[in-house]
Amino acid sequence: MVSGFRFENVPLPVDAVILAAHLEFRIDGTYSNPLAMRFFGEFSTYPLPFSTINPPHSRPLTYSFAD
């Protein structure tokens, strides 16, 4: 499964190297199945908004990721 997250109005220089980031997810119930997630960036300087003809799973990804 692929999901997309947009973080607008976060100014980053083109040559920026992100050393750390923090995301907090909240759940809506009690679950016992662990999640295994891998986070990639979109390999695009100016990504377009998500749409039905341009969904997250069709985007080029960076080679770097975080588990």
Protein backbone atom coordinates (compact mmCIF):
# COMPACT_ATOMS: atom_id res chain seq x y z
CA MET A 1 0.00 0.00 0.00
CA VAL A 2 1.23 3.49 -0.82
CA SER A 3 0.18 6.71 0.86
CA GLY A 4 1.25 10.25 0.14
CA PHE A 5 1.89 13.11 2.54
CA ARG A 6 2.41 16.72 1.49
CA PHE A 7 4.18 19.22 3.69
CA GLU A 8 3.51 22.60 2.14
CA ASN A 9 5.26 25.85 3.00
CA VAL A 10 8.41 24.13 4.31
CA PRO A 11 11.26 26.01 2.63
CA LEU A 12 14.21 23.74 1.81
CA PRO A 13 17.15 24.68 -0.39
CA VAL A 14 17.61 22.44 -3.43
CA ASP A 15 20.90 21.08 -2.04
CA ALA A 16 19.59 20.54 1.51
CA VAL A 17 20.54 17.36 3.34
CA ILE A 18 17.90 16.32 5.88
CA LEU A 19 19.62 14.74 8.87
CA ALA A 20 16.54 14.09 10.99
CA ALA A 21 12.77 14.46 10.92
CA HIS A 22 9.89 13.58 13.20
CA LEU A 23 6.36 12.44 12.32
CA GLU A 24 3.76 11.52 14.88
CA PHE A 25 0.88 9.25 13.89
CA ARG A 26 -2.18 8.71 16.03
CA ILE A 27 -4.40 5.65 15.89
CA ASP A 28 -8.15 5.49 16.25
CA GLY A 29 -8.40 2.23 18.17
CA THR A 30 -6.57 -0.68 19.77
CA TYR A 31 -4.57 -2.76 17.31
CA SER A 32 -2.21 -5.67 17.86
CA ASN A 33 -0.68 -6.01 14.38
CA PRO A 34 2.69 -4.25 14.11
CA LEU A 35 3.31 -1.88 11.22
CA ALA A 36 6.32 -2.03 8.96
CA MET A 37 6.71 1.25 7.08
CA ARG A 38 9.33 2.65 4.77
CA PHE A 39 9.41 6.39 4.01
CA PHE A 40 10.76 7.70 0.71
CA GLY A 41 10.87 11.22 -0.67
CA GLU A 42 9.53 12.11 -4.08
CA PHE A 43 12.36 12.64 -6.56
CA SER A 44 11.05 15.97 -7.82
CA THR A 45 11.98 19.57 -7.16
CA TYR A 46 8.41 20.83 -7.68
CA PRO A 47 5.96 17.95 -7.11
CA LEU A 48 2.41 18.41 -8.32
CA PRO A 49 -0.60 18.01 -6.02
CA PHE A 50 -2.00 14.50 -5.71
CA SER A 51 -4.93 13.69 -7.98
CA THR A 52 -6.66 10.69 -9.51
CA ILE A 53 -4.49 11.04 -12.63
CA ASN A 54 -1.31 11.76 -10.61
CA PRO A 55 -1.50 9.53 -7.49
CA PRO A 56 1.32 8.96 -4.97
CA HIS A 57 2.18 5.46 -6.24
CA SER A 58 3.03 6.77 -9.73
CA ARG A 59 5.68 9.25 -8.52
CA PRO A 60 9.46 8.81 -8.90
CA LEU A 61 11.06 8.14 -5.51
CA THR A 62 14.42 8.97 -4.01
CA TYR A 63 16.91 6.16 -3.45
CA SER A 64 17.22 7.09 0.23
CA PHE A 65 14.56 6.01 2.70
CA ALA A 66 13.86 5.60 6.39
CA ASP A 67 12.23 2.58 8.00
